[in-house]
C-alpha atoms as a PDB file:
ATOM      1  CA  MET A   1       0.000   0.000   0.000  1.00  0.00           C
ATOM      2  CA  ILE A   2       2.895   2.378   0.654  1.00  0.00           C
ATOM      3  CA  ARG A   3       4.207   1.910  -2.903  1.00  0.00           C
ATOM      4  CA  SER A   4       0.693   2.217  -4.229  1.00  0.00           C
ATOM      5  CA  ARG A   5       0.111   5.448  -2.349  1.00  0.00           C
ATOM      6  CA  ALA A   6       3.400   6.843  -3.657  1.00  0.00           C
ATOM      7  CA  ALA A   7       2.337   5.892  -7.178  1.00  0.00           C
ATOM      8  CA  ALA A   8      -1.003   7.616  -6.664  1.00  0.00           C
ATOM      9  CA  GLN A   9       0.714  10.761  -5.392  1.00  0.00           C
ATOM     10  CA  ALA A  10       2.723  10.840  -8.604  1.00  0.00           C
ATOM     11  CA  LEU A  11      -0.506  10.772 -10.645  1.00  0.00           C
ATOM     12  CA  PHE A  12      -2.851  13.032  -8.688  1.00  0.00           C
ATOM     13  CA  PRO A  13      -2.459  16.531  -7.229  1.00  0.00           C
ATOM     14  CA  GLN A  14      -0.568  16.287  -3.921  1.00  0.00           C
ATOM     15  CA  ASP A  15      -3.163  17.900  -1.692  1.00  0.00           C
ATOM     16  CA  LEU A  16      -5.821  15.294  -2.526  1.00  0.00           C
ATOM     17  CA  PHE A  17      -4.288  12.926   0.033  1.00  0.00           C
ATOM     18  CA  GLN A  18      -4.692  15.384   2.895  1.00  0.00           C
ATOM     19  CA  ASP A  19      -8.446  15.812   2.720  1.00  0.00           C
ATOM     20  CA  PRO A  20     -11.581  13.844   1.755  1.00  0.00           C
ATOM     21  CA  ALA A  21     -11.124  14.465  -1.965  1.00  0.00           C
ATOM     22  CA  PHE A  22      -9.497  11.103  -2.566  1.00  0.00           C
ATOM     23  CA  ASP A  23     -12.274   9.308  -0.682  1.00  0.00           C
ATOM     24  CA  ILE A  24     -14.766  11.081  -2.938  1.00  0.00           C
ATOM     25  CA  LEU A  25     -12.837  10.004  -6.048  1.00  0.00           C
ATOM     26  CA  LEU A  26     -12.738   6.369  -4.964  1.00  0.00           C
ATOM     27  CA  THR A  27     -16.417   6.330  -3.961  1.00  0.00           C
ATOM     28  CA  VAL A  28     -17.449   7.796  -7.303  1.00  0.00           C
ATOM     29  CA  PHE A  29     -15.133   5.372  -9.127  1.00  0.00           C
ATOM     30  CA  VAL A  30     -16.766   2.344  -7.476  1.00  0.00           C
ATOM     31  CA  SER A  31     -20.223   3.720  -8.202  1.00  0.00           C
ATOM     32  CA  ASP A  32     -19.306   4.317 -11.846  1.00  0.00           C
ATOM     33  CA  GLU A  33     -17.830   0.812 -12.166  1.00  0.00           C
ATOM     34  CA  GLU A  34     -20.986  -0.728 -10.705  1.00  0.00           C
ATOM     35  CA  GLY A  35     -23.152   1.280 -13.091  1.00  0.00           C
ATOM     36  CA  HIS A  36     -24.890   3.297 -10.371  1.00  0.00           C
ATOM     37  CA  ASP A  37     -25.621   6.992 -10.291  1.00  0.00           C
ATOM     38  CA  MET A  38     -23.722   8.733  -7.487  1.00  0.00           C
ATOM     39  CA  PRO A  39     -25.795  11.468  -5.829  1.00  0.00           C
ATOM     40  CA  VAL A  40     -23.790  14.504  -4.778  1.00  0.00           C
ATOM     41  CA  SER A  41     -24.961  14.120  -1.171  1.00  0.00           C
ATOM     42  CA  ALA A  42     -23.686  10.529  -0.922  1.00  0.00           C
ATOM     43  CA  ALA A  43     -20.353  11.378  -2.514  1.00  0.00           C
ATOM     44  CA  VAL A  44     -19.553  14.346  -0.309  1.00  0.00           C
ATOM     45  CA  THR A  45     -20.256  12.455   2.918  1.00  0.00           C
ATOM     46  CA  SER A  46     -18.334   9.330   1.844  1.00  0.00           C
ATOM     47  CA  GLY A  47     -15.196  10.406   3.679  1.00  0.00           C
ATOM     48  CA  GLY A  48     -17.057  10.921   6.925  1.00  0.00           C
ATOM     49  CA  THR A  49     -16.725  14.683   6.761  1.00  0.00           C
ATOM     50  CA  PRO A  50     -19.390  17.357   7.190  1.00  0.00           C
ATOM     51  CA  MET A  51     -21.462  18.168   4.112  1.00  0.00           C
ATOM     52  CA  THR A  52     -19.923  21.642   3.764  1.00  0.00           C
ATOM     53  CA  THR A  53     -16.374  20.242   3.729  1.00  0.00           C
ATOM     54  CA  GLY A  54     -17.335  17.584   1.200  1.00  0.00           C
ATOM     55  CA  LEU A  55     -19.047  20.144  -1.039  1.00  0.00           C
ATOM     56  CA  ARG A  56     -15.971  22.354  -0.932  1.00  0.00           C
ATOM     57  CA  TRP A  57     -13.801  19.444  -2.077  1.00  0.00           C
ATOM     58  CA  LEU A  58     -16.320  18.420  -4.702  1.00  0.00           C
ATOM     59  CA  SER A  59     -16.107  21.931  -6.146  1.00  0.00           C
ATOM     60  CA  LYS A  60     -12.315  21.692  -6.187  1.00  0.00           C
ATOM     61  CA  LEU A  61     -12.424  18.334  -7.998  1.00  0.00           C
ATOM     62  CA  GLU A  62     -14.815  19.826 -10.525  1.00  0.00           C
ATOM     63  CA  LYS A  63     -12.540  22.842 -11.097  1.00  0.00           C
ATOM     64  CA  LEU A  64      -9.612  20.458 -11.610  1.00  0.00           C
ATOM     65  CA  GLY A  65     -11.651  18.659 -14.288  1.00  0.00           C
ATOM     66  CA  MET A  66     -11.650  15.385 -12.351  1.00  0.00           C
ATOM     67  CA  ILE A  67     -15.417  14.999 -11.959  1.00  0.00           C
ATOM     68  CA  CYS A  68     -18.477  16.224 -13.773  1.00  0.00           C
ATOM     69  CA  ARG A  69     -21.994  16.910 -12.548  1.00  0.00           C
ATOM     70  CA  ARG A  70     -25.286  16.241 -14.246  1.00  0.00           C
ATOM     71  CA  GLY A  71     -28.846  16.918 -13.239  1.00  0.00           C
ATOM     72  CA  ASP A  72     -31.671  14.467 -12.731  1.00  0.00           C
ATOM     73  CA  ASN A  73     -34.122  14.351 -15.635  1.00  0.00           C
ATOM     74  CA  PHE A  74     -37.132  14.110 -13.320  1.00  0.00           C
ATOM     75  CA  ASP A  75     -36.123  16.017 -10.181  1.00  0.00           C
ATOM     76  CA  LYS A  76     -34.251  19.236 -10.901  1.00  0.00           C
ATOM     77  CA  ARG A  77     -33.122  19.444  -7.258  1.00  0.00           C
ATOM     78  CA  LYS A  78     -30.941  16.333  -7.607  1.00  0.00           C
ATOM     79  CA  GLN A  79     -27.456  16.191  -9.087  1.00  0.00           C
ATOM     80  CA  TYR A  80     -25.198  13.261  -9.803  1.00  0.00           C
ATOM     81  CA  ILE A  81     -21.460  13.124 -10.286  1.00  0.00           C
ATOM     82  CA  SER A  82     -19.124  10.887 -12.207  1.00  0.00           C
ATOM     83  CA  LEU A  83     -15.427  10.806 -12.934  1.00  0.00           C
ATOM     84  CA  THR A  84     -14.069  12.260 -16.119  1.00  0.00           C
ATOM     85  CA  GLU A  85     -12.517   9.667 -18.430  1.00  0.00           C
ATOM     86  CA  GLU A  86      -9.016  10.977 -17.683  1.00  0.00           C
ATOM     87  CA  THR A  87      -9.547  10.644 -13.924  1.00  0.00           C
ATOM     88  CA  ARG A  88     -11.104   7.200 -14.324  1.00  0.00           C
ATOM     89  CA  SER A  89      -8.020   6.106 -16.280  1.00  0.00           C
ATOM     90  CA  LEU A  90      -5.725   7.472 -13.556  1.00  0.00           C
ATOM     91  CA  VAL A  91      -7.618   5.598 -10.831  1.00  0.00           C
ATOM     92  CA  ILE A  92      -7.428   2.376 -12.846  1.00  0.00           C
ATOM     93  CA  GLU A  93      -3.714   2.928 -13.440  1.00  0.00           C
ATOM     94  CA  TRP A  94      -3.212   3.361  -9.708  1.00  0.00           C
ATOM     95  CA  LEU A  95      -5.356   0.385  -8.651  1.00  0.00           C
ATOM     96  CA  THR A  96      -4.287  -2.152 -11.287  1.00  0.00           C
ATOM     97  CA  PRO A  97      -1.014  -3.296  -9.651  1.00  0.00           C
ATOM     98  CA  LEU A  98      -2.628  -3.808  -6.217  1.00  0.00           C
ATOM     99  CA  PRO A  99      -2.378  -7.471  -5.147  1.00  0.00           C
ATOM    100  CA  PHE A 100      -6.036  -7.834  -4.183  1.00  0.00           C
ATOM    101  CA  LEU A 101      -7.063  -7.088  -7.773  1.00  0.00           C
ATOM    102  CA  GLU A 102      -4.977  -9.871  -9.329  1.00  0.00           C
ATOM    103  CA  ASN A 103      -7.697 -12.534  -9.008  1.00  0.00           C
ATOM    104  CA  ARG A 104     -10.416 -10.279 -10.364  1.00  0.00           C
END
């Protein structure tokens, strides 16, 4: 995991490992891989932080071009997020060499 974390730090902006941003990325990645929509509210609380902190980091990830938001077709109050293709590729690149994924 130490080597994996170092590899991830080489791929992603350094400050993502200090705050809940990376937890948000991984939560959204899993949701995307499972084919589920990820509501903004679920994503921002995934790291166990207050909603305001999570929303602040979500905005930062969006400004960095790592996630994108889209509205709900039926309920205009709801928004969903997903990873951009570039970010999805970076997460896969980081996770691929992890031993627990070898028997996948």
